[in-house]
Amino acid sequence: MNEADFWIVLVGAAVATYAARAVFLVPDATKPPARFEPALRLVGPAVLAALAIPAILRAPGTGSLDLARVVSGAIAFGVAWRTKSVAWTIVAGFAALVAASAAWP
């Protein structure tokens, strides 16, 4: 990559990043269309699951299953299904992980 290509890519990335953020400064663009609102409610739980599931299924450093993590993940899933609350899911999952780690060292 020569210097001209580097600057073209850098300026293009800067413009794209600024445009993606500046669109929310336009008053009519701040509210998404009504057809997207049901799906947008699910973004938070989907991101939480995407972050949590790999940590539950692979123990750090070993890559194998850890019984304490699997049990706490199952408990957190049950709480999420029952309460539909992300906050209670995090609290219950963390408490279950602490208790299960103490029970299965």
N, C-alpha and C. Protein backbone atom coordinates (compact mmCIF):
# COMPACT_ATOMS: atom_id res chain seq x y z
N MET A 1 0.86 -1.17 0.00
CA MET A 1 0.00 0.00 0.00
C MET A 1 0.90 1.23 0.00
N ASN A 2 0.69 2.08 -0.98
CA ASN A 2 1.50 3.30 -1.02
C ASN A 2 0.84 4.39 -0.18
N GLU A 3 1.49 5.52 -0.09
CA GLU A 3 1.02 6.59 0.79
C GLU A 3 -0.32 7.17 0.35
N ALA A 4 -0.54 7.29 -0.94
CA ALA A 4 -1.81 7.84 -1.44
C ALA A 4 -2.97 6.91 -1.08
N ASP A 5 -2.77 5.60 -1.25
CA ASP A 5 -3.83 4.65 -0.88
C ASP A 5 -4.12 4.71 0.61
N PHE A 6 -3.09 4.85 1.40
CA PHE A 6 -3.26 4.95 2.85
C PHE A 6 -4.14 6.14 3.21
N TRP A 7 -3.88 7.30 2.62
CA TRP A 7 -4.66 8.49 2.95
C TRP A 7 -6.08 8.40 2.42
N ILE A 8 -6.26 7.76 1.28
CA ILE A 8 -7.62 7.58 0.74
C ILE A 8 -8.43 6.70 1.69
N VAL A 9 -7.84 5.60 2.15
CA VAL A 9 -8.53 4.71 3.07
C VAL A 9 -8.80 5.42 4.39
N LEU A 10 -7.84 6.15 4.91
CA LEU A 10 -8.01 6.85 6.19
C LEU A 10 -9.11 7.90 6.12
N VAL A 11 -9.10 8.71 5.08
CA VAL A 11 -10.12 9.75 4.95
C VAL A 11 -11.49 9.12 4.69
N GLY A 12 -11.53 8.06 3.89
CA GLY A 12 -12.80 7.37 3.65
C GLY A 12 -13.39 6.78 4.93
N ALA A 13 -12.54 6.18 5.75
CA ALA A 13 -13.01 5.62 7.02
C ALA A 13 -13.48 6.73 7.96
N ALA A 14 -12.77 7.84 7.97
CA ALA A 14 -13.17 8.96 8.83
C ALA A 14 -14.52 9.54 8.40
N VAL A 15 -14.72 9.69 7.11
CA VAL A 15 -15.99 10.23 6.60
C VAL A 15 -17.13 9.25 6.90
N ALA A 16 -16.90 7.96 6.71
CA ALA A 16 -17.94 6.97 6.98
C ALA A 16 -18.30 6.95 8.47
N THR A 17 -17.30 7.03 9.33
CA THR A 17 -17.55 7.04 10.77
C THR A 17 -18.32 8.29 11.18
N TYR A 18 -17.91 9.44 10.66
CA TYR A 18 -18.60 10.68 11.00
C TYR A 18 -20.03 10.66 10.48
N ALA A 19 -20.24 10.16 9.28
CA ALA A 19 -21.59 10.13 8.71
C ALA A 19 -22.51 9.22 9.52
N ALA A 20 -21.97 8.11 9.99
CA ALA A 20 -22.79 7.19 10.78
C ALA A 20 -23.22 7.81 12.09
N ARG A 21 -22.41 8.68 12.64
CA ARG A 21 -22.76 9.33 13.91
C ARG A 21 -23.57 10.61 13.69
N ALA A 22 -23.31 11.30 12.60
CA ALA A 22 -23.97 12.58 12.35
C ALA A 22 -25.42 12.41 11.93
N VAL A 23 -25.79 11.24 11.45
CA VAL A 23 -27.16 11.04 11.01
C VAL A 23 -28.14 11.23 12.17
N PHE A 24 -27.69 11.00 13.41
CA PHE A 24 -28.56 11.17 14.56
C PHE A 24 -28.73 12.64 14.96
N LEU A 25 -27.99 13.54 14.34
CA LEU A 25 -28.15 14.96 14.61
C LEU A 25 -29.32 15.55 13.82
N VAL A 26 -29.75 14.86 12.78
CA VAL A 26 -30.89 15.30 11.98
C VAL A 26 -32.16 14.92 12.75
N PRO A 27 -33.04 15.90 13.05
CA PRO A 27 -34.20 15.63 13.91
C PRO A 27 -35.10 14.50 13.44
N ASP A 28 -35.36 14.38 12.15
CA ASP A 28 -36.27 13.34 11.67
C ASP A 28 -35.63 11.96 11.62
N ALA A 29 -34.32 11.89 11.72
CA ALA A 29 -33.63 10.62 11.60
C ALA A 29 -33.38 9.93 12.94
N THR A 30 -33.79 10.55 14.04
CA THR A 30 -33.47 9.97 15.34
C THR A 30 -34.41 8.84 15.74
N LYS A 31 -35.59 8.79 15.19
CA LYS A 31 -36.54 7.73 15.53
C LYS A 31 -36.55 6.70 14.41
N PRO A 32 -36.27 5.42 14.75
CA PRO A 32 -36.28 4.41 13.69
C PRO A 32 -37.70 4.15 13.20
N PRO A 33 -37.84 3.61 12.02
CA PRO A 33 -39.17 3.27 11.52
C PRO A 33 -39.87 2.28 12.46
N ALA A 34 -41.17 2.36 12.50
CA ALA A 34 -41.96 1.54 13.43
C ALA A 34 -41.76 0.04 13.20
N ARG A 35 -41.47 -0.36 11.98
CA ARG A 35 -41.31 -1.79 11.72
C ARG A 35 -40.03 -2.36 12.33
N PHE A 36 -39.06 -1.50 12.69
CA PHE A 36 -37.81 -1.97 13.29
C PHE A 36 -37.86 -2.00 14.81
N GLU A 37 -38.80 -1.32 15.42
CA GLU A 37 -38.83 -1.22 16.88
C GLU A 37 -38.96 -2.56 17.59
N PRO A 38 -39.78 -3.51 17.14
CA PRO A 38 -39.82 -4.80 17.84
C PRO A 38 -38.47 -5.53 17.82
N ALA A 39 -37.77 -5.43 16.71
CA ALA A 39 -36.47 -6.09 16.61
C ALA A 39 -35.42 -5.37 17.46
N LEU A 40 -35.49 -4.07 17.56
CA LEU A 40 -34.51 -3.31 18.33
C LEU A 40 -34.61 -3.61 19.83
N ARG A 41 -35.79 -4.04 20.30
CA ARG A 41 -35.92 -4.41 21.71
C ARG A 41 -35.08 -5.63 22.04
N LEU A 42 -34.78 -6.44 21.05
CA LEU A 42 -34.04 -7.69 21.26
C LEU A 42 -32.53 -7.53 21.13
N VAL A 43 -32.05 -6.34 20.81
CA VAL A 43 -30.62 -6.14 20.60
C VAL A 43 -29.84 -6.35 21.90
N GLY A 44 -30.31 -5.81 23.00
CA GLY A 44 -29.61 -5.95 24.28
C GLY A 44 -29.44 -7.39 24.71
N PRO A 45 -30.52 -8.17 24.76
CA PRO A 45 -30.36 -9.59 25.11
C PRO A 45 -29.50 -10.37 24.11
N ALA A 46 -29.57 -10.02 22.83
CA ALA A 46 -28.75 -10.73 21.84
C ALA A 46 -27.26 -10.44 22.04
N VAL A 47 -26.94 -9.20 22.35
CA VAL A 47 -25.54 -8.85 22.60
C VAL A 47 -25.05 -9.53 23.88
N LEU A 48 -25.88 -9.53 24.91
CA LEU A 48 -25.50 -10.21 26.15
C LEU A 48 -25.26 -11.69 25.91
N ALA A 49 -26.11 -12.34 25.13
CA ALA A 49 -25.92 -13.76 24.82
C ALA A 49 -24.66 -13.98 24.00
N ALA A 50 -24.40 -13.10 23.04
CA ALA A 50 -23.21 -13.25 22.21
C ALA A 50 -21.93 -13.10 23.03
N LEU A 51 -21.97 -12.31 24.08
CA LEU A 51 -20.80 -12.17 24.94
C LEU A 51 -20.70 -13.29 25.96
N ALA A 52 -21.83 -13.78 26.45
CA ALA A 52 -21.81 -14.74 27.55
C ALA A 52 -21.62 -16.18 27.09
N ILE A 53 -22.22 -16.58 26.00
CA ILE A 53 -22.19 -17.99 25.61
C ILE A 53 -20.77 -18.52 25.35
N PRO A 54 -19.90 -17.80 24.65
CA PRO A 54 -18.53 -18.32 24.51
C PRO A 54 -17.81 -18.43 25.85
N ALA A 55 -18.06 -17.51 26.76
CA ALA A 55 -17.43 -17.57 28.09
C ALA A 55 -17.97 -18.73 28.91
N ILE A 56 -19.22 -19.11 28.67
CA ILE A 56 -19.81 -20.24 29.40
C ILE A 56 -19.28 -21.56 28.83
N LEU A 57 -19.20 -21.66 27.52
CA LEU A 57 -18.84 -22.92 26.89
C LEU A 57 -17.34 -23.21 26.87
N ARG A 58 -16.50 -22.21 26.97
CA ARG A 58 -15.06 -22.43 26.97
C ARG A 58 -14.45 -21.75 28.19
N ALA A 59 -13.84 -22.54 29.06
CA ALA A 59 -13.16 -21.98 30.22
C ALA A 59 -11.90 -21.26 29.75
N PRO A 60 -11.60 -20.09 30.31
CA PRO A 60 -10.42 -19.34 29.87
C PRO A 60 -9.14 -20.14 30.10
N GLY A 61 -8.30 -20.19 29.08
CA GLY A 61 -7.01 -20.85 29.20
C GLY A 61 -7.04 -22.33 28.88
N THR A 62 -8.14 -23.02 29.14
CA THR A 62 -8.18 -24.46 28.91
C THR A 62 -8.98 -24.83 27.68
N GLY A 63 -10.02 -24.09 27.40
CA GLY A 63 -10.87 -24.40 26.26
C GLY A 63 -11.85 -25.53 26.51
N SER A 64 -11.87 -26.05 27.74
CA SER A 64 -12.78 -27.15 28.06
C SER A 64 -13.99 -26.62 28.84
N LEU A 65 -14.98 -27.48 28.99
CA LEU A 65 -16.17 -27.10 29.75
C LEU A 65 -15.84 -27.01 31.23
N ASP A 66 -16.41 -26.01 31.88
CA ASP A 66 -16.28 -25.84 33.32
C ASP A 66 -17.67 -25.99 33.91
N LEU A 67 -17.85 -26.98 34.80
CA LEU A 67 -19.17 -27.29 35.34
C LEU A 67 -19.80 -26.08 36.03
N ALA A 68 -19.01 -25.30 36.76
CA ALA A 68 -19.55 -24.13 37.46
C ALA A 68 -20.12 -23.12 36.47
N ARG A 69 -19.43 -22.92 35.36
CA ARG A 69 -19.90 -21.96 34.35
C ARG A 69 -21.16 -22.46 33.66
N VAL A 70 -21.21 -23.74 33.37
CA VAL A 70 -22.39 -24.29 32.70
C VAL A 70 -23.61 -24.22 33.61
N VAL A 71 -23.43 -24.55 34.89
CA VAL A 71 -24.55 -24.50 35.84
C VAL A 71 -25.02 -23.05 36.01
N SER A 72 -24.09 -22.13 36.17
CA SER A 72 -24.50 -20.72 36.34
C SER A 72 -25.15 -20.17 35.08
N GLY A 73 -24.69 -20.61 33.91
CA GLY A 73 -25.34 -20.19 32.66
C GLY A 73 -26.75 -20.72 32.55
N ALA A 74 -26.97 -21.97 32.99
CA ALA A 74 -28.31 -22.54 32.96
C ALA A 74 -29.24 -21.81 33.92
N ILE A 75 -28.72 -21.47 35.09
CA ILE A 75 -29.53 -20.72 36.06
C ILE A 75 -29.86 -19.34 35.51
N ALA A 76 -28.88 -18.68 34.92
CA ALA A 76 -29.12 -17.35 34.34
C ALA A 76 -30.14 -17.43 33.20
N PHE A 77 -30.06 -18.48 32.40
CA PHE A 77 -31.05 -18.66 31.33
C PHE A 77 -32.45 -18.82 31.90
N GLY A 78 -32.57 -19.60 32.97
CA GLY A 78 -33.88 -19.78 33.60
C GLY A 78 -34.43 -18.48 34.15
N VAL A 79 -33.56 -17.69 34.77
CA VAL A 79 -34.00 -16.39 35.31
C VAL A 79 -34.41 -15.46 34.17
N ALA A 80 -33.64 -15.45 33.09
CA ALA A 80 -33.97 -14.60 31.94
C ALA A 80 -35.30 -14.99 31.33
N TRP A 81 -35.54 -16.28 31.22
CA TRP A 81 -36.78 -16.76 30.64
C TRP A 81 -37.97 -16.43 31.52
N ARG A 82 -37.77 -16.53 32.82
CA ARG A 82 -38.86 -16.31 33.77
C ARG A 82 -39.16 -14.82 33.97
N THR A 83 -38.10 -14.00 34.15
CA THR A 83 -38.31 -12.59 34.51
C THR A 83 -38.29 -11.65 33.32
N LYS A 84 -37.66 -12.05 32.22
CA LYS A 84 -37.50 -11.17 31.04
C LYS A 84 -36.74 -9.89 31.39
N SER A 85 -35.86 -9.96 32.39
CA SER A 85 -35.10 -8.81 32.85
C SER A 85 -33.61 -9.08 32.69
N VAL A 86 -32.93 -8.21 31.93
CA VAL A 86 -31.50 -8.38 31.73
C VAL A 86 -30.75 -8.17 33.05
N ALA A 87 -31.19 -7.20 33.85
CA ALA A 87 -30.51 -6.91 35.12
C ALA A 87 -30.59 -8.11 36.07
N TRP A 88 -31.78 -8.69 36.23
CA TRP A 88 -31.92 -9.86 37.11
C TRP A 88 -31.15 -11.06 36.56
N THR A 89 -31.06 -11.17 35.26
CA THR A 89 -30.29 -12.26 34.66
C THR A 89 -28.82 -12.14 35.02
N ILE A 90 -28.28 -10.94 34.92
CA ILE A 90 -26.87 -10.72 35.25
C ILE A 90 -26.62 -10.99 36.73
N VAL A 91 -27.48 -10.47 37.59
CA VAL A 91 -27.31 -10.68 39.03
C VAL A 91 -27.40 -12.16 39.38
N ALA A 92 -28.39 -12.84 38.86
CA ALA A 92 -28.56 -14.27 39.18
C ALA A 92 -27.42 -15.10 38.61
N GLY A 93 -26.99 -14.79 37.41
CA GLY A 93 -25.88 -15.53 36.81
C GLY A 93 -24.59 -15.34 37.56
N PHE A 94 -24.32 -14.12 37.99
CA PHE A 94 -23.10 -13.86 38.76
C PHE A 94 -23.15 -14.54 40.12
N ALA A 95 -24.28 -14.45 40.79
CA ALA A 95 -24.42 -15.11 42.10
C ALA A 95 -24.29 -16.63 41.95
N ALA A 96 -24.89 -17.18 40.91
CA ALA A 96 -24.78 -18.62 40.68
C ALA A 96 -23.34 -19.01 40.35
N LEU A 97 -22.63 -18.18 39.62
CA LEU A 97 -21.23 -18.48 39.30
C LEU A 97 -20.36 -18.47 40.55
N VAL A 98 -20.59 -17.50 41.42
CA VAL A 98 -19.82 -17.44 42.68
C VAL A 98 -20.12 -18.67 43.52
N ALA A 99 -21.40 -19.02 43.65
CA ALA A 99 -21.76 -20.19 44.47
C ALA A 99 -21.26 -21.48 43.84
N ALA A 100 -21.40 -21.63 42.52
CA ALA A 100 -20.96 -22.86 41.87
C ALA A 100 -19.44 -22.99 41.87
N SER A 101 -18.74 -21.87 41.77
CA SER A 101 -17.26 -21.91 41.83
C SER A 101 -16.80 -22.33 43.21
N ALA A 102 -17.54 -21.94 44.24
CA ALA A 102 -17.19 -22.36 45.60
C ALA A 102 -17.50 -23.84 45.81
N ALA A 103 -18.57 -24.31 45.18
CA ALA A 103 -18.96 -25.71 45.34
C ALA A 103 -18.07 -26.65 44.51
N TRP A 104 -17.69 -26.24 43.30
CA TRP A 104 -16.83 -27.04 42.43
C TRP A 104 -15.57 -26.29 42.11
N PRO A 105 -14.57 -26.36 42.98
CA PRO A 105 -13.34 -25.59 42.75
C PRO A 105 -12.53 -26.07 41.57
